[in-house]
Amino acid sequence: MDEYNRFVDWDKMDVSVQSQDSKELTCTEFQELKQLARQGYWAKNHSLRAKVYHKLIGNIPCRTVTPDANVYRDIVVKIVGKRSSSSLPLPEFVDNSLVPTYCLNAEGIGAVRKIILCIANQFPDISFCPALPSVVALLLHYSKDEAECFEQVCRILACNDPSKRLIDQTFLAFESSCMTFGDLVNKYCQAAHKLMVAVSEDVLEVYSDWQRWLFGELPMVYIARVFDVFLVEGYKVLYRVALALLKFFHKVRAGQPMESDSIQQDIRAFVRDIAKSVTPERLLEKAFAIRLFSRKEIQLLQMANEKALQQKGITVKQKRQNVHLAVHAENFKSEIVSVKEMRDIWSWIPERFALCQPLLLFTTLEHGCSLSR
């Protein structure tokens, strides 16, 4: 374990992962790997998990020219200079995201910012990637040095397999993933969806937080277990776990008054303190118990939502906060339904159609009741 503990504060780590078992991972078949990942086979041994991550990430198909550890060693001094690691500014594309410290020591916390800046230098095509700080911080626990962590993150970002979606790197991809998550909640978590609609003015704004729940609020031991399966099975795992989080939130908080002025803040607090109510094993069990949930369905929803956003011209981060739809009180008038009722109705339709402003086509008050008209 010595070679993988440089950046780890062992006082913060789960004691069970310090197991000295000499287990090795020899299987290469996908189905067996998937089973072992879901069971947490390498979760109880820090060194084994590091070796497994290195192997799984090393097998990701990448662009021909992908920055490696040597590139990091060449550029880090030039980019960071003599500035203190803790004061290094983050690139705009992380969108003021949380930079989790997890169980990193002081050296590790500073290294996260250095690695992110070097990634920004090597990936000018990244325009929006709020999950990046969490991914870097997590992988740093299982890296021998900064350069190795940099190389592993670069391989994830440079994946060129069209069937293997990993991390959103554009605002279009991120925004469409939020819309897709909203569609999935509407279909697979109807009770939780009704609660969200009842307590929030813009339900899609709540669902836009879904990646933050995973890559920001979720404690280290939980996100590590999620990442174990994510590296084997891909992006759909993230949707499943986020849906499970919402299901547990609804189960624990249903019927209780809100703890803050915002349902978003309540969900974030619940995820941060999830250890009080749900174990990592139970979270994954719930996530993979959702039936009739396919990769193809996700891909189709994602493509449809991206197309809808492109048609609306929403492809980059807007200065104004809300690029979604909502039926706003100042723009809505009806003799039949209230603004609240209209928001409820609007929450039932697919997110890609919710981008459009409702247009009144016919009303008996203006057009009368004649069938010929």
Protein backbone atom coordinates (compact mmCIF):
# COMPACT_ATOMS: atom_id res chain seq x y z
CA MET A 1 0.00 0.00 0.00
CA ASP A 2 3.00 2.31 0.52
CA GLU A 3 3.24 3.36 -3.13
CA TYR A 4 -0.37 4.63 -3.18
CA ASN A 5 -0.56 6.57 0.09
CA ARG A 6 1.38 9.74 -0.77
CA PHE A 7 -1.73 11.93 -0.99
CA VAL A 8 -3.95 10.12 1.54
CA ASP A 9 -4.80 11.28 5.06
CA TRP A 10 -5.33 7.88 6.67
CA ASP A 11 -7.03 9.41 9.70
CA LYS A 12 -9.95 10.28 7.40
CA MET A 13 -10.04 7.03 5.42
CA ASP A 14 -12.31 4.12 6.21
CA VAL A 15 -10.20 1.77 8.34
CA SER A 16 -11.47 -1.29 6.47
CA VAL A 17 -9.73 -0.24 3.23
CA GLN A 18 -6.37 -0.59 4.93
CA SER A 19 -6.72 -4.36 4.67
CA GLN A 20 -3.46 -6.01 3.73
CA ASP A 21 -5.09 -8.91 1.88
CA SER A 22 -2.95 -10.00 -1.03
CA LYS A 23 -5.91 -10.32 -3.40
CA GLU A 24 -5.26 -9.84 -7.08
CA LEU A 25 -7.58 -9.26 -10.00
CA THR A 26 -6.98 -11.74 -12.80
CA CYS A 27 -10.30 -11.81 -14.66
CA THR A 28 -10.78 -9.88 -17.92
CA GLU A 29 -14.29 -10.95 -18.95
CA PHE A 30 -16.79 -8.07 -18.82
CA GLN A 31 -19.56 -9.95 -17.03
CA GLU A 32 -17.21 -11.15 -14.30
CA LEU A 33 -15.67 -7.70 -13.90
CA LYS A 34 -19.16 -6.19 -13.65
CA GLN A 35 -20.13 -8.63 -10.93
CA LEU A 36 -16.93 -8.02 -8.93
CA ALA A 37 -17.31 -4.24 -9.23
CA ARG A 38 -20.89 -4.32 -8.00
CA GLN A 39 -19.93 -6.59 -5.10
CA GLY A 40 -17.08 -4.28 -4.06
CA TYR A 41 -14.37 -6.91 -4.58
CA TRP A 42 -11.55 -4.35 -4.61
CA ALA A 43 -13.23 -1.82 -2.28
CA LYS A 44 -11.64 -3.26 0.89
CA ASN A 45 -8.05 -3.01 -0.29
CA HIS A 46 -6.59 0.38 -1.17
CA SER A 47 -3.66 -0.97 -3.14
CA LEU A 48 -5.80 -3.43 -5.12
CA ARG A 49 -8.31 -0.73 -6.03
CA ALA A 50 -5.44 1.46 -7.27
CA LYS A 51 -4.14 -1.36 -9.49
CA VAL A 52 -7.64 -2.12 -10.81
CA TYR A 53 -8.26 1.56 -11.65
CA HIS A 54 -4.93 1.69 -13.45
CA LYS A 55 -5.84 -1.41 -15.46
CA LEU A 56 -9.40 -0.36 -16.32
CA ILE A 57 -8.40 3.18 -17.31
CA GLY A 58 -5.44 1.83 -19.28
CA ASN A 59 -7.89 -0.19 -21.38
CA ILE A 60 -10.02 2.84 -22.35
CA PRO A 61 -9.75 3.45 -26.13
CA CYS A 62 -8.28 6.93 -26.56
CA ARG A 63 -7.27 9.46 -29.17
CA THR A 64 -3.96 8.71 -30.85
CA VAL A 65 -2.28 11.65 -29.13
CA THR A 66 -3.35 11.60 -25.48
CA PRO A 67 -1.27 13.49 -22.89
CA ASP A 68 0.61 11.18 -20.54
CA ALA A 69 2.66 11.45 -17.35
CA ASN A 70 5.72 12.77 -19.21
CA VAL A 71 3.68 15.64 -20.65
CA TYR A 72 2.64 16.61 -17.12
CA ARG A 73 6.24 16.66 -15.92
CA ASP A 74 7.16 18.88 -18.87
CA ILE A 75 4.42 21.47 -18.43
CA VAL A 76 3.57 21.67 -14.72
CA VAL A 77 6.38 24.04 -13.70
CA LYS A 78 5.64 26.37 -16.61
CA ILE A 79 1.91 26.50 -15.84
CA VAL A 80 1.99 26.63 -12.05
CA GLY A 81 5.21 28.58 -11.60
CA LYS A 82 5.94 29.73 -8.07
CA ARG A 83 2.29 30.23 -7.12
CA SER A 84 0.90 28.49 -4.07
CA SER A 85 -1.17 25.46 -5.03
CA SER A 86 -4.04 26.51 -2.74
CA SER A 87 -4.40 29.87 -4.51
CA LEU A 88 -4.39 28.55 -8.07
CA PRO A 89 -7.52 29.69 -9.96
CA LEU A 90 -9.66 26.98 -11.54
CA PRO A 91 -10.53 27.15 -15.25
CA GLU A 92 -13.97 28.54 -16.13
CA PHE A 93 -15.19 25.21 -17.49
CA VAL A 94 -15.53 23.69 -14.01
CA ASP A 95 -18.24 26.33 -13.36
CA ASN A 96 -17.31 27.15 -9.75
CA SER A 97 -17.81 23.49 -8.82
CA LEU A 98 -17.03 22.13 -5.41
CA VAL A 99 -13.47 20.85 -5.18
CA PRO A 100 -13.88 17.87 -2.84
CA THR A 101 -11.01 17.10 -0.50
CA TYR A 102 -12.36 13.62 0.36
CA CYS A 103 -9.55 11.95 2.33
CA LEU A 104 -6.65 13.85 0.78
CA ASN A 105 -3.83 15.31 2.85
CA ALA A 106 -2.56 18.87 2.40
CA GLU A 107 -0.24 17.90 -0.48
CA GLY A 108 -3.09 16.13 -2.26
CA ILE A 109 -5.48 19.06 -1.88
CA GLY A 110 -2.96 21.35 -3.55
CA ALA A 111 -2.16 18.80 -6.26
CA VAL A 112 -5.80 18.67 -7.43
CA ARG A 113 -5.68 22.30 -8.63
CA LYS A 114 -2.31 21.82 -10.35
CA ILE A 115 -3.59 18.79 -12.25
CA ILE A 116 -6.81 20.54 -13.31
CA LEU A 117 -4.86 23.52 -14.68
CA CYS A 118 -2.56 21.24 -16.66
CA ILE A 119 -5.59 19.39 -18.06
CA ALA A 120 -7.09 22.72 -19.13
CA ASN A 121 -3.84 23.47 -20.96
CA GLN A 122 -3.93 20.16 -22.86
CA PHE A 123 -7.68 20.04 -23.58
CA PRO A 124 -8.68 23.40 -25.08
CA ASP A 125 -11.82 21.75 -26.51
CA ILE A 126 -13.33 21.24 -23.04
CA SER A 127 -15.90 23.98 -22.51
CA PHE A 128 -17.93 22.71 -19.54
CA CYS A 129 -16.92 19.92 -17.14
CA PRO A 130 -18.09 20.48 -13.54
CA ALA A 131 -17.40 16.83 -12.60
CA LEU A 132 -13.66 17.16 -13.24
CA PRO A 133 -12.49 18.33 -9.76
CA SER A 134 -14.18 15.36 -8.11
CA VAL A 135 -12.72 12.87 -10.60
CA VAL A 136 -9.21 14.27 -10.13
CA ALA A 137 -9.52 14.31 -6.33
CA LEU A 138 -10.81 10.73 -6.26
CA LEU A 139 -8.16 9.29 -8.58
CA LEU A 140 -5.39 11.08 -6.68
CA HIS A 141 -6.05 8.72 -3.75
CA TYR A 142 -5.03 5.83 -6.01
CA SER A 143 -2.07 7.38 -7.82
CA LYS A 144 1.64 7.12 -7.11
CA ASP A 145 2.24 10.75 -8.07
CA GLU A 146 0.57 13.76 -9.72
CA ALA A 147 1.77 12.78 -13.19
CA GLU A 148 0.12 9.35 -12.98
CA CYS A 149 -3.17 10.90 -11.85
CA PHE A 150 -2.97 13.43 -14.70
CA GLU A 151 -2.46 10.62 -17.23
CA GLN A 152 -5.42 8.61 -15.93
CA VAL A 153 -7.80 11.58 -16.03
CA CYS A 154 -6.58 12.46 -19.53
CA ARG A 155 -7.39 8.95 -20.73
CA ILE A 156 -10.94 9.28 -19.39
CA LEU A 157 -11.35 12.65 -21.12
CA ALA A 158 -9.79 11.44 -24.40
CA CYS A 159 -11.98 8.35 -24.78
CA ASN A 160 -12.91 8.07 -28.46
CA ASP A 161 -15.26 5.10 -28.33
CA PRO A 162 -18.65 6.51 -29.46
CA SER A 163 -20.47 3.77 -27.55
CA LYS A 164 -18.65 4.55 -24.27
CA ARG A 165 -19.85 7.81 -22.76
CA LEU A 166 -17.80 8.86 -19.72
CA ILE A 167 -17.67 12.52 -18.58
CA ASP A 168 -19.61 15.47 -20.05
CA GLN A 169 -17.18 18.03 -21.48
CA THR A 170 -19.53 20.56 -23.14
CA PHE A 171 -22.49 22.56 -21.89
CA LEU A 172 -24.67 20.91 -24.51
CA ALA A 173 -23.78 17.42 -23.24
CA PHE A 174 -24.21 18.46 -19.60
CA GLU A 175 -27.52 20.22 -20.14
CA SER A 176 -28.95 17.37 -22.18
CA SER A 177 -27.89 14.91 -19.46
CA CYS A 178 -29.85 16.98 -16.92
CA MET A 179 -32.91 16.87 -19.19
CA THR A 180 -32.44 13.12 -19.67
CA PHE A 181 -32.24 12.65 -15.91
CA GLY A 182 -35.52 14.57 -15.59
CA ASP A 183 -37.14 12.26 -18.15
CA LEU A 184 -35.89 9.21 -16.23
CA VAL A 185 -37.14 10.55 -12.90
CA ASN A 186 -40.56 11.19 -14.43
CA LYS A 187 -40.67 7.57 -15.61
CA TYR A 188 -38.93 5.60 -12.84
CA CYS A 189 -39.39 7.75 -9.70
CA GLN A 190 -42.90 9.09 -10.05
CA ALA A 191 -43.52 9.55 -6.31
CA ALA A 192 -40.32 11.57 -5.90
CA HIS A 193 -41.14 13.52 -9.07
CA LYS A 194 -44.53 14.54 -7.64
CA LEU A 195 -42.78 15.80 -4.49
CA MET A 196 -40.29 17.83 -6.56
CA VAL A 197 -43.10 19.39 -8.59
CA ALA A 198 -45.03 20.24 -5.42
CA VAL A 199 -42.19 22.02 -3.61
CA SER A 200 -40.19 23.67 -6.41
CA GLU A 201 -41.03 26.33 -8.97
CA ASP A 202 -38.73 24.86 -11.62
CA VAL A 203 -38.32 21.11 -11.27
CA LEU A 204 -35.67 20.95 -14.00
CA GLU A 205 -33.50 23.30 -11.97
CA VAL A 206 -33.60 20.71 -9.17
CA TYR A 207 -32.64 17.90 -11.56
CA SER A 208 -29.78 19.98 -12.95
CA ASP A 209 -28.07 19.25 -9.63
CA TRP A 210 -27.92 15.51 -10.25
CA GLN A 211 -24.21 15.36 -11.10
CA ARG A 212 -23.36 17.54 -8.12
CA TRP A 213 -25.02 14.97 -5.84
CA LEU A 214 -22.51 12.40 -7.12
CA PHE A 215 -19.45 14.52 -7.89
CA GLY A 216 -19.46 16.90 -4.97
CA GLU A 217 -21.79 15.98 -2.12
CA LEU A 218 -21.48 12.17 -1.95
CA PRO A 219 -18.91 11.06 0.68
CA MET A 220 -15.66 9.40 -0.40
CA VAL A 221 -16.56 5.81 0.47
CA TYR A 222 -19.77 6.10 -1.59
CA ILE A 223 -18.41 7.83 -4.70
CA ALA A 224 -15.49 5.37 -4.76
CA ARG A 225 -17.94 2.44 -4.89
CA VAL A 226 -19.91 4.20 -7.65
CA PHE A 227 -16.69 4.88 -9.56
CA ASP A 228 -15.70 1.20 -9.30
CA VAL A 229 -18.79 0.26 -11.30
CA PHE A 230 -18.70 3.35 -13.53
CA LEU A 231 -15.26 2.43 -14.91
CA VAL A 232 -16.61 -1.00 -15.89
CA GLU A 233 -20.15 -0.19 -17.05
CA GLY A 234 -20.06 3.47 -18.06
CA TYR A 235 -22.35 6.50 -17.81
CA LYS A 236 -25.64 4.70 -17.15
CA VAL A 237 -24.35 3.83 -13.66
CA LEU A 238 -24.39 7.53 -12.75
CA TYR A 239 -28.06 7.86 -13.74
CA ARG A 240 -28.97 4.76 -11.76
CA VAL A 241 -27.24 5.94 -8.59
CA ALA A 242 -28.70 9.46 -8.86
CA LEU A 243 -32.19 7.95 -9.24
CA ALA A 244 -31.55 5.78 -6.18
CA LEU A 245 -30.47 8.85 -4.19
CA LEU A 246 -33.70 10.60 -5.12
CA LYS A 247 -35.75 7.53 -4.18
CA PHE A 248 -34.07 7.35 -0.76
CA PHE A 249 -34.50 11.10 -0.24
CA HIS A 250 -38.22 10.78 -0.93
CA LYS A 251 -38.52 7.78 1.37
CA VAL A 252 -36.71 9.44 4.27
CA ARG A 253 -38.14 12.95 3.88
CA ALA A 254 -41.68 12.30 2.59
CA GLY A 255 -44.24 14.00 4.83
CA GLN A 256 -41.57 15.96 6.70
CA PRO A 257 -41.25 19.76 6.45
CA MET A 258 -38.36 21.13 4.42
CA GLU A 259 -35.23 21.82 6.44
CA SER A 260 -34.24 24.84 4.35
CA ASP A 261 -35.83 27.32 1.95
CA SER A 262 -34.80 25.21 -1.04
CA ILE A 263 -35.43 21.59 -1.98
CA GLN A 264 -32.05 21.70 -3.75
CA GLN A 265 -30.31 22.48 -0.47
CA ASP A 266 -32.29 19.76 1.30
CA ILE A 267 -31.24 17.11 -1.24
CA ARG A 268 -27.60 18.22 -1.09
CA ALA A 269 -27.64 17.99 2.70
CA PHE A 270 -29.26 14.55 2.56
CA VAL A 271 -26.60 13.27 0.14
CA ARG A 272 -23.78 14.71 2.27
CA ASP A 273 -25.15 12.92 5.32
CA ILE A 274 -26.31 9.78 3.52
CA ALA A 275 -24.31 7.55 5.88
CA LYS A 276 -26.97 8.24 8.53
CA SER A 277 -29.62 6.38 6.55
CA VAL A 278 -28.12 4.29 3.70
CA THR A 279 -25.01 2.12 3.32
CA PRO A 280 -22.98 2.08 0.07
CA GLU A 281 -24.12 -1.49 -0.54
CA ARG A 282 -27.78 -0.55 -0.10
CA LEU A 283 -27.39 2.44 -2.43
CA LEU A 284 -25.95 0.31 -5.23
CA GLU A 285 -28.49 -2.42 -4.61
CA LYS A 286 -31.30 0.12 -5.01
CA ALA A 287 -29.67 1.59 -8.11
CA PHE A 288 -29.44 -1.72 -9.93
CA ALA A 289 -32.90 -2.84 -8.83
CA ILE A 290 -34.55 -0.32 -11.17
CA ARG A 291 -36.03 -2.52 -13.90
CA LEU A 292 -36.54 -1.96 -17.63
CA PHE A 293 -33.74 0.57 -17.70
CA SER A 294 -31.51 0.23 -20.76
CA ARG A 295 -28.46 1.91 -22.23
CA LYS A 296 -30.34 2.29 -25.52
CA GLU A 297 -33.15 4.21 -23.83
CA ILE A 298 -30.62 6.61 -22.32
CA GLN A 299 -28.88 7.14 -25.66
CA LEU A 300 -32.15 7.88 -27.45
CA LEU A 301 -33.26 10.35 -24.79
CA GLN A 302 -29.85 12.02 -24.78
CA MET A 303 -29.83 12.42 -28.57
CA ALA A 304 -33.38 13.82 -28.60
CA ASN A 305 -32.59 16.30 -25.83
CA GLU A 306 -29.35 17.43 -27.48
CA LYS A 307 -31.22 17.99 -30.74
CA ALA A 308 -33.91 20.03 -28.96
CA LEU A 309 -31.26 22.19 -27.26
CA GLN A 310 -29.42 22.78 -30.54
CA GLN A 311 -32.64 23.80 -32.26
CA LYS A 312 -33.21 26.32 -29.48
CA GLY A 313 -29.64 27.59 -29.84
CA ILE A 314 -28.70 26.52 -26.30
CA THR A 315 -25.21 25.11 -26.74
CA VAL A 316 -23.09 27.23 -24.39
CA LYS A 317 -23.41 28.39 -20.79
CA GLN A 318 -25.64 31.45 -20.63
CA LYS A 319 -24.91 34.47 -18.45
CA ARG A 320 -28.46 34.37 -17.19
CA GLN A 321 -29.12 31.55 -14.79
CA ASN A 322 -32.04 29.70 -16.34
CA VAL A 323 -31.96 28.31 -19.86
CA HIS A 324 -34.77 25.86 -19.23
CA LEU A 325 -38.37 26.50 -19.65
CA ALA A 326 -40.70 27.25 -17.05
CA VAL A 327 -44.12 28.68 -17.15
CA HIS A 328 -43.56 32.03 -15.48
CA ALA A 329 -46.36 33.85 -13.69
CA GLU A 330 -45.75 37.12 -15.52
CA ASN A 331 -46.12 35.47 -18.95
CA PHE A 332 -49.00 33.12 -18.20
CA LYS A 333 -52.73 33.79 -18.16
CA SER A 334 -55.55 31.28 -18.08
CA GLU A 335 -59.19 31.21 -17.04
CA ILE A 336 -59.01 27.44 -16.47
CA VAL A 337 -55.76 26.55 -14.66
CA SER A 338 -53.54 28.38 -12.21
CA VAL A 339 -49.81 28.95 -12.71
CA LYS A 340 -49.11 26.19 -10.17
CA GLU A 341 -51.41 23.76 -12.00
CA MET A 342 -49.78 24.65 -15.31
CA ARG A 343 -46.34 23.95 -13.83
CA ASP A 344 -47.62 20.54 -12.72
CA ILE A 345 -48.90 19.80 -16.23
CA TRP A 346 -45.64 21.04 -17.74
CA SER A 347 -43.64 18.67 -15.54
CA TRP A 348 -45.38 15.69 -17.12
CA ILE A 349 -44.10 16.28 -20.65
CA PRO A 350 -40.61 15.27 -21.87
CA GLU A 351 -37.94 17.82 -21.06
CA ARG A 352 -37.10 18.52 -24.71
CA PHE A 353 -40.65 19.78 -25.32
CA ALA A 354 -40.60 21.74 -22.09
CA LEU A 355 -38.02 24.06 -23.70
CA CYS A 356 -40.76 25.55 -25.87
CA GLN A 357 -42.95 28.39 -24.69
CA PRO A 358 -46.64 27.41 -24.65
CA LEU A 359 -48.63 29.17 -27.37
CA LEU A 360 -52.38 29.66 -27.07
CA LEU A 361 -54.00 28.41 -30.28
CA PHE A 362 -57.67 28.56 -29.43
CA THR A 363 -59.91 29.97 -26.74
CA THR A 364 -63.69 30.26 -26.77
CA LEU A 365 -63.39 33.68 -25.16
CA GLU A 366 -61.74 35.03 -28.35
CA HIS A 367 -62.77 32.57 -31.06
CA GLY A 368 -66.26 31.66 -29.96
CA CYS A 369 -67.83 28.19 -30.12
CA SER A 370 -68.55 27.85 -33.83
CA LEU A 371 -67.45 24.47 -35.24
CA SER A 372 -66.85 26.09 -38.64
CA ARG A 373 -64.11 28.28 -37.10
